[in-house]
Amino acid sequence: MRIKRIAWLLAVAAFLTAVVLAHLYPDKAMRRQLRQVAVDRRDAFIDITLPVVSKSCDTHGGCIVETDGLYNGQSTGLTVTFAPDMRASTFTDQVETTKVYPTAAGITFVAEGPRGRSLLHLIAATYGKPVSSASVPKTIVMTAIAFEGNPANIQKEPLKFKVVHPSEKDSLEYFELFVNTDLANDRVQLSEKDIGYRPAVLKAFGLN
């Protein structure tokens, strides 16, 4: 009985210590709970999968999604906003889709704070351009259309969005990217479409 009581007191003490440390060192406590950011280089393209830590969605497919994970031991992520009423599409990637994008709907990236700065470093490093510093906040507004899935069901089913920025294809800043979502399993993936767009992607994130 005495041994059980001692064991219980030790467990309580350990719990209280963890609570105190989490209060004194919230960043370290948070980092211990974060999942790893996944970087896939299996083919010529780079896919970056960011864990979702919170999301707020409406009934029309609009969502504000916070992503955060660990990269090199640092908090890494961005805020992704999905506009409501985005269109589903049966178009293939060979179709000139920029002519059928909705004009007032899209996906917005906001990179800010330490996690945003770490993400900028990650993107630059995976594209082969390490940087010594990265300035945030950065906001990138992109036109989007869903190639796979129905945006109205964004909370339940995986979706594959194609995004473009800006809408003028002859612009030197133009790029295309896939944004794949699986909010039911708390994942957002930035999937590279063409390595030729890397300079424009880096420029959009302020890494030119």
C-alpha atoms as a PDB file:
ATOM      1  CA  MET A   1       0.000   0.000   0.000  1.00  0.00           C
ATOM      2  CA  ARG A   2       2.825   2.348   0.888  1.00  0.00           C
ATOM      3  CA  ILE A   3       4.564   1.578  -2.421  1.00  0.00           C
ATOM      4  CA  LYS A   4       1.394   2.347  -4.381  1.00  0.00           C
ATOM      5  CA  ARG A   5       1.010   5.638  -2.531  1.00  0.00           C
ATOM      6  CA  ILE A   6       4.608   6.619  -3.295  1.00  0.00           C
ATOM      7  CA  ALA A   7       4.139   5.682  -6.960  1.00  0.00           C
ATOM      8  CA  TRP A   8       0.975   7.781  -7.110  1.00  0.00           C
ATOM      9  CA  LEU A   9       2.715  10.764  -5.507  1.00  0.00           C
ATOM     10  CA  LEU A  10       5.588  10.450  -7.992  1.00  0.00           C
ATOM     11  CA  ALA A  11       3.144  10.369 -10.914  1.00  0.00           C
ATOM     12  CA  VAL A  12       1.384  13.474  -9.598  1.00  0.00           C
ATOM     13  CA  ALA A  13       4.728  15.217  -9.118  1.00  0.00           C
ATOM     14  CA  ALA A  14       5.783  14.355 -12.669  1.00  0.00           C
ATOM     15  CA  PHE A  15       2.507  15.699 -14.044  1.00  0.00           C
ATOM     16  CA  LEU A  16       2.791  18.946 -12.072  1.00  0.00           C
ATOM     17  CA  THR A  17       6.391  19.351 -13.205  1.00  0.00           C
ATOM     18  CA  ALA A  18       5.313  18.960 -16.836  1.00  0.00           C
ATOM     19  CA  VAL A  19       2.574  21.561 -16.354  1.00  0.00           C
ATOM     20  CA  VAL A  20       5.011  24.028 -14.775  1.00  0.00           C
ATOM     21  CA  LEU A  21       7.597  23.492 -17.521  1.00  0.00           C
ATOM     22  CA  ALA A  22       4.962  23.937 -20.204  1.00  0.00           C
ATOM     23  CA  HIS A  23       3.967  27.220 -18.542  1.00  0.00           C
ATOM     24  CA  LEU A  24       7.547  28.432 -18.193  1.00  0.00           C
ATOM     25  CA  TYR A  25       8.702  27.208 -21.611  1.00  0.00           C
ATOM     26  CA  PRO A  26       5.586  27.152 -23.825  1.00  0.00           C
ATOM     27  CA  ASP A  27       7.538  27.124 -27.128  1.00  0.00           C
ATOM     28  CA  LYS A  28       9.521  24.041 -26.147  1.00  0.00           C
ATOM     29  CA  ALA A  29       6.405  22.301 -24.867  1.00  0.00           C
ATOM     30  CA  MET A  30       4.588  23.055 -28.102  1.00  0.00           C
ATOM     31  CA  ARG A  31       7.482  21.818 -30.257  1.00  0.00           C
ATOM     32  CA  ARG A  32       7.461  18.476 -28.429  1.00  0.00           C
ATOM     33  CA  GLN A  33       3.826  18.006 -29.486  1.00  0.00           C
ATOM     34  CA  LEU A  34       4.246  18.976 -33.142  1.00  0.00           C
ATOM     35  CA  ARG A  35       4.498  16.426 -35.919  1.00  0.00           C
ATOM     36  CA  GLN A  36       7.285  16.521 -38.462  1.00  0.00           C
ATOM     37  CA  VAL A  37       6.950  18.402 -41.729  1.00  0.00           C
ATOM     38  CA  ALA A  38       7.312  15.820 -44.515  1.00  0.00           C
ATOM     39  CA  VAL A  39       9.410  16.599 -47.592  1.00  0.00           C
ATOM     40  CA  ASP A  40       9.023  14.174 -50.500  1.00  0.00           C
ATOM     41  CA  ARG A  41      11.748  14.176 -53.165  1.00  0.00           C
ATOM     42  CA  ARG A  42      10.967  10.820 -54.740  1.00  0.00           C
ATOM     43  CA  ASP A  43      10.599  12.258 -58.241  1.00  0.00           C
ATOM     44  CA  ALA A  44      11.754  15.443 -59.919  1.00  0.00           C
ATOM     45  CA  PHE A  45       9.243  17.500 -57.949  1.00  0.00           C
ATOM     46  CA  ILE A  46       9.192  18.591 -54.308  1.00  0.00           C
ATOM     47  CA  ASP A  47       6.139  17.961 -52.129  1.00  0.00           C
ATOM     48  CA  ILE A  48       5.963  19.575 -48.684  1.00  0.00           C
ATOM     49  CA  THR A  49       3.296  18.209 -46.331  1.00  0.00           C
ATOM     50  CA  LEU A  50       2.393  20.434 -43.389  1.00  0.00           C
ATOM     51  CA  PRO A  51       0.489  19.168 -40.330  1.00  0.00           C
ATOM     52  CA  VAL A  52      -2.749  21.013 -39.550  1.00  0.00           C
ATOM     53  CA  VAL A  53      -2.998  22.209 -35.953  1.00  0.00           C
ATOM     54  CA  SER A  54      -6.325  24.059 -36.184  1.00  0.00           C
ATOM     55  CA  LYS A  55      -9.074  24.783 -38.688  1.00  0.00           C
ATOM     56  CA  SER A  56     -12.240  26.834 -38.815  1.00  0.00           C
ATOM     57  CA  CYS A  57     -14.628  26.119 -41.688  1.00  0.00           C
ATOM     58  CA  ASP A  58     -18.063  27.260 -42.814  1.00  0.00           C
ATOM     59  CA  THR A  59     -20.786  25.308 -44.632  1.00  0.00           C
ATOM     60  CA  HIS A  60     -19.722  26.578 -48.066  1.00  0.00           C
ATOM     61  CA  GLY A  61     -16.183  25.191 -48.128  1.00  0.00           C
ATOM     62  CA  GLY A  62     -14.522  28.293 -46.728  1.00  0.00           C
ATOM     63  CA  CYS A  63     -11.772  27.483 -44.232  1.00  0.00           C
ATOM     64  CA  ILE A  64      -8.987  29.130 -42.299  1.00  0.00           C
ATOM     65  CA  VAL A  65      -6.369  26.469 -41.644  1.00  0.00           C
ATOM     66  CA  GLU A  66      -3.323  26.813 -39.418  1.00  0.00           C
ATOM     67  CA  THR A  67      -0.429  24.516 -40.244  1.00  0.00           C
ATOM     68  CA  ASP A  68       2.568  23.927 -38.000  1.00  0.00           C
ATOM     69  CA  GLY A  69       5.153  21.186 -37.765  1.00  0.00           C
ATOM     70  CA  LEU A  70       8.799  20.555 -37.039  1.00  0.00           C
ATOM     71  CA  TYR A  71      11.583  21.201 -39.540  1.00  0.00           C
ATOM     72  CA  ASN A  72      15.139  21.108 -38.200  1.00  0.00           C
ATOM     73  CA  GLY A  73      13.615  21.238 -34.723  1.00  0.00           C
ATOM     74  CA  GLN A  74      11.816  24.510 -35.457  1.00  0.00           C
ATOM     75  CA  SER A  75       8.117  25.357 -35.641  1.00  0.00           C
ATOM     76  CA  THR A  76       7.313  25.546 -39.374  1.00  0.00           C
ATOM     77  CA  GLY A  77       4.097  26.401 -41.187  1.00  0.00           C
ATOM     78  CA  LEU A  78       1.700  28.990 -42.498  1.00  0.00           C
ATOM     79  CA  THR A  79      -1.951  30.010 -42.487  1.00  0.00           C
ATOM     80  CA  VAL A  80      -3.951  28.811 -45.496  1.00  0.00           C
ATOM     81  CA  THR A  81      -7.291  30.439 -46.263  1.00  0.00           C
ATOM     82  CA  PHE A  82      -9.715  28.682 -48.615  1.00  0.00           C
ATOM     83  CA  ALA A  83     -12.413  30.943 -50.027  1.00  0.00           C
ATOM     84  CA  PRO A  84     -16.001  29.662 -49.862  1.00  0.00           C
ATOM     85  CA  ASP A  85     -17.844  28.452 -52.952  1.00  0.00           C
ATOM     86  CA  MET A  86     -14.786  27.436 -54.925  1.00  0.00           C
ATOM     87  CA  ARG A  87     -15.571  25.376 -57.990  1.00  0.00           C
ATOM     88  CA  ALA A  88     -15.139  21.688 -58.583  1.00  0.00           C
ATOM     89  CA  SER A  89     -13.768  20.802 -62.015  1.00  0.00           C
ATOM     90  CA  THR A  90     -13.394  17.847 -64.323  1.00  0.00           C
ATOM     91  CA  PHE A  91     -10.739  19.562 -66.417  1.00  0.00           C
ATOM     92  CA  THR A  92      -7.402  17.869 -66.926  1.00  0.00           C
ATOM     93  CA  ASP A  93      -4.067  19.548 -66.490  1.00  0.00           C
ATOM     94  CA  GLN A  94      -3.698  19.801 -70.282  1.00  0.00           C
ATOM     95  CA  VAL A  95      -6.599  22.238 -70.540  1.00  0.00           C
ATOM     96  CA  GLU A  96      -5.982  25.980 -70.410  1.00  0.00           C
ATOM     97  CA  THR A  97      -7.633  26.203 -67.001  1.00  0.00           C
ATOM     98  CA  THR A  98      -6.779  29.834 -66.303  1.00  0.00           C
ATOM     99  CA  LYS A  99      -9.700  30.795 -68.550  1.00  0.00           C
ATOM    100  CA  VAL A 100     -12.221  28.977 -66.358  1.00  0.00           C
ATOM    101  CA  TYR A 101     -11.072  29.951 -62.893  1.00  0.00           C
ATOM    102  CA  PRO A 102     -13.620  31.763 -60.728  1.00  0.00           C
ATOM    103  CA  THR A 103     -12.718  35.429 -60.494  1.00  0.00           C
ATOM    104  CA  ALA A 104     -13.468  36.021 -56.817  1.00  0.00           C
ATOM    105  CA  ALA A 105     -12.345  32.828 -55.136  1.00  0.00           C
ATOM    106  CA  GLY A 106      -9.024  31.331 -54.264  1.00  0.00           C
ATOM    107  CA  ILE A 107      -6.434  30.252 -51.775  1.00  0.00           C
ATOM    108  CA  THR A 108      -4.269  32.598 -49.729  1.00  0.00           C
ATOM    109  CA  PHE A 109      -0.996  31.773 -47.968  1.00  0.00           C
ATOM    110  CA  VAL A 110       0.115  33.888 -45.017  1.00  0.00           C
ATOM    111  CA  ALA A 111       3.593  33.175 -43.669  1.00  0.00           C
ATOM    112  CA  GLU A 112       4.369  35.074 -40.479  1.00  0.00           C
ATOM    113  CA  GLY A 113       6.343  34.823 -37.277  1.00  0.00           C
ATOM    114  CA  PRO A 114       9.019  32.203 -36.557  1.00  0.00           C
ATOM    115  CA  ARG A 115       7.059  29.333 -38.131  1.00  0.00           C
ATOM    116  CA  GLY A 116       6.622  31.321 -41.363  1.00  0.00           C
ATOM    117  CA  ARG A 117      10.283  32.262 -41.447  1.00  0.00           C
ATOM    118  CA  SER A 118      11.245  28.625 -40.964  1.00  0.00           C
ATOM    119  CA  LEU A 119       8.938  27.620 -43.828  1.00  0.00           C
ATOM    120  CA  LEU A 120      10.609  30.147 -46.113  1.00  0.00           C
ATOM    121  CA  HIS A 121      13.981  28.624 -45.239  1.00  0.00           C
ATOM    122  CA  LEU A 122      12.578  25.164 -45.956  1.00  0.00           C
ATOM    123  CA  ILE A 123      11.205  26.139 -49.371  1.00  0.00           C
ATOM    124  CA  ALA A 124      14.455  27.825 -50.340  1.00  0.00           C
ATOM    125  CA  ALA A 125      16.544  24.869 -49.170  1.00  0.00           C
ATOM    126  CA  THR A 126      14.426  22.284 -50.996  1.00  0.00           C
ATOM    127  CA  TYR A 127      14.635  24.366 -54.169  1.00  0.00           C
ATOM    128  CA  GLY A 128      18.409  24.496 -53.813  1.00  0.00           C
ATOM    129  CA  LYS A 129      18.725  28.106 -52.709  1.00  0.00           C
ATOM    130  CA  PRO A 130      19.643  28.342 -49.023  1.00  0.00           C
ATOM    131  CA  VAL A 131      19.197  31.804 -47.538  1.00  0.00           C
ATOM    132  CA  SER A 132      20.741  33.409 -44.494  1.00  0.00           C
ATOM    133  CA  SER A 133      17.584  35.358 -43.651  1.00  0.00           C
ATOM    134  CA  ALA A 134      13.934  35.406 -44.659  1.00  0.00           C
ATOM    135  CA  SER A 135      11.587  38.312 -44.057  1.00  0.00           C
ATOM    136  CA  VAL A 136       7.979  37.815 -42.982  1.00  0.00           C
ATOM    137  CA  PRO A 137       5.047  38.387 -43.056  1.00  0.00           C
ATOM    138  CA  LYS A 138       4.347  37.321 -46.628  1.00  0.00           C
ATOM    139  CA  THR A 139       0.863  37.078 -48.121  1.00  0.00           C
ATOM    140  CA  ILE A 140       0.285  35.287 -51.431  1.00  0.00           C
ATOM    141  CA  VAL A 141      -3.189  35.435 -52.958  1.00  0.00           C
ATOM    142  CA  MET A 142      -3.774  32.779 -55.622  1.00  0.00           C
ATOM    143  CA  THR A 143      -6.591  31.924 -57.967  1.00  0.00           C
ATOM    144  CA  ALA A 144      -7.669  28.313 -57.481  1.00  0.00           C
ATOM    145  CA  ILE A 145      -9.789  25.553 -58.921  1.00  0.00           C
ATOM    146  CA  ALA A 146     -10.312  22.031 -57.610  1.00  0.00           C
ATOM    147  CA  PHE A 147      -9.066  19.358 -60.016  1.00  0.00           C
ATOM    148  CA  GLU A 148     -10.142  16.545 -57.730  1.00  0.00           C
ATOM    149  CA  GLY A 149     -12.949  16.537 -55.170  1.00  0.00           C
ATOM    150  CA  ASN A 150     -15.708  18.963 -54.278  1.00  0.00           C
ATOM    151  CA  PRO A 151     -14.545  22.072 -52.381  1.00  0.00           C
ATOM    152  CA  ALA A 152     -17.837  22.100 -50.470  1.00  0.00           C
ATOM    153  CA  ASN A 153     -16.660  18.875 -48.806  1.00  0.00           C
ATOM    154  CA  ILE A 154     -13.220  20.175 -47.873  1.00  0.00           C
ATOM    155  CA  GLN A 155     -13.579  19.028 -44.257  1.00  0.00           C
ATOM    156  CA  LYS A 156     -14.417  15.438 -45.224  1.00  0.00           C
ATOM    157  CA  GLU A 157     -12.662  14.459 -48.449  1.00  0.00           C
ATOM    158  CA  PRO A 158      -9.174  14.909 -49.919  1.00  0.00           C
ATOM    159  CA  LEU A 159      -8.986  17.679 -52.529  1.00  0.00           C
ATOM    160  CA  LYS A 160      -6.454  18.642 -55.162  1.00  0.00           C
ATOM    161  CA  PHE A 161      -6.415  22.333 -56.028  1.00  0.00           C
ATOM    162  CA  LYS A 162      -4.447  23.916 -58.818  1.00  0.00           C
ATOM    163  CA  VAL A 163      -3.454  27.495 -58.008  1.00  0.00           C
ATOM    164  CA  VAL A 164      -1.945  30.211 -60.181  1.00  0.00           C
ATOM    165  CA  HIS A 165      -0.289  33.497 -59.267  1.00  0.00           C
ATOM    166  CA  PRO A 166      -0.802  36.049 -60.662  1.00  0.00           C
ATOM    167  CA  SER A 167      -3.564  35.451 -63.219  1.00  0.00           C
ATOM    168  CA  GLU A 168      -1.567  36.888 -66.161  1.00  0.00           C
ATOM    169  CA  LYS A 169       0.315  33.911 -67.567  1.00  0.00           C
ATOM    170  CA  ASP A 170       2.862  36.046 -69.438  1.00  0.00           C
ATOM    171  CA  SER A 171       3.986  37.713 -66.193  1.00  0.00           C
ATOM    172  CA  LEU A 172       7.531  36.998 -65.036  1.00  0.00           C
ATOM    173  CA  GLU A 173       6.064  36.346 -61.574  1.00  0.00           C
ATOM    174  CA  TYR A 174       3.624  33.696 -62.817  1.00  0.00           C
ATOM    175  CA  PHE A 175       3.672  30.240 -61.265  1.00  0.00           C
ATOM    176  CA  GLU A 176       1.408  27.222 -60.891  1.00  0.00           C
ATOM    177  CA  LEU A 177       1.269  24.950 -57.877  1.00  0.00           C
ATOM    178  CA  PHE A 178      -0.891  22.170 -56.486  1.00  0.00           C
ATOM    179  CA  VAL A 179      -2.344  22.534 -53.008  1.00  0.00           C
ATOM    180  CA  ASN A 180      -3.588  19.164 -51.778  1.00  0.00           C
ATOM    181  CA  THR A 181      -5.772  19.006 -48.698  1.00  0.00           C
ATOM    182  CA  ASP A 182      -6.773  16.182 -46.384  1.00  0.00           C
ATOM    183  CA  LEU A 183      -8.311  18.083 -43.505  1.00  0.00           C
ATOM    184  CA  ALA A 184      -9.952  14.968 -42.100  1.00  0.00           C
ATOM    185  CA  ASN A 185      -6.416  13.717 -41.421  1.00  0.00           C
ATOM    186  CA  ASP A 186      -4.974  17.181 -40.662  1.00  0.00           C
ATOM    187  CA  ARG A 187      -2.697  17.586 -43.681  1.00  0.00           C
ATOM    188  CA  VAL A 188      -2.066  20.295 -46.281  1.00  0.00           C
ATOM    189  CA  GLN A 189       0.475  19.612 -49.022  1.00  0.00           C
ATOM    190  CA  LEU A 190       2.284  22.087 -51.255  1.00  0.00           C
ATOM    191  CA  SER A 191       2.955  20.000 -54.346  1.00  0.00           C
ATOM    192  CA  GLU A 192       5.291  21.282 -57.024  1.00  0.00           C
ATOM    193  CA  LYS A 193       3.883  21.233 -60.567  1.00  0.00           C
ATOM    194  CA  ASP A 194       6.885  22.279 -62.650  1.00  0.00           C
ATOM    195  CA  ILE A 195      10.455  22.997 -61.562  1.00  0.00           C
ATOM    196  CA  GLY A 196      10.508  25.845 -64.055  1.00  0.00           C
ATOM    197  CA  TYR A 197       8.229  27.798 -61.711  1.00  0.00           C
ATOM    198  CA  ARG A 198      10.682  27.673 -58.804  1.00  0.00           C
ATOM    199  CA  PRO A 199      12.148  31.176 -59.328  1.00  0.00           C
ATOM    200  CA  ALA A 200       8.642  32.687 -59.353  1.00  0.00           C
ATOM    201  CA  VAL A 201       7.590  30.732 -56.245  1.00  0.00           C
ATOM    202  CA  LEU A 202      10.716  31.891 -54.413  1.00  0.00           C
ATOM    203  CA  LYS A 203      10.057  35.463 -55.507  1.00  0.00           C
ATOM    204  CA  ALA A 204       6.461  35.305 -54.262  1.00  0.00           C
ATOM    205  CA  PHE A 205       7.782  34.261 -50.848  1.00  0.00           C
ATOM    206  CA  GLY A 206      10.333  37.093 -50.968  1.00  0.00           C
ATOM    207  CA  LEU A 207      13.290  34.777 -51.543  1.00  0.00           C
ATOM    208  CA  ASN A 208      14.553  36.026 -54.914  1.00  0.00           C
END
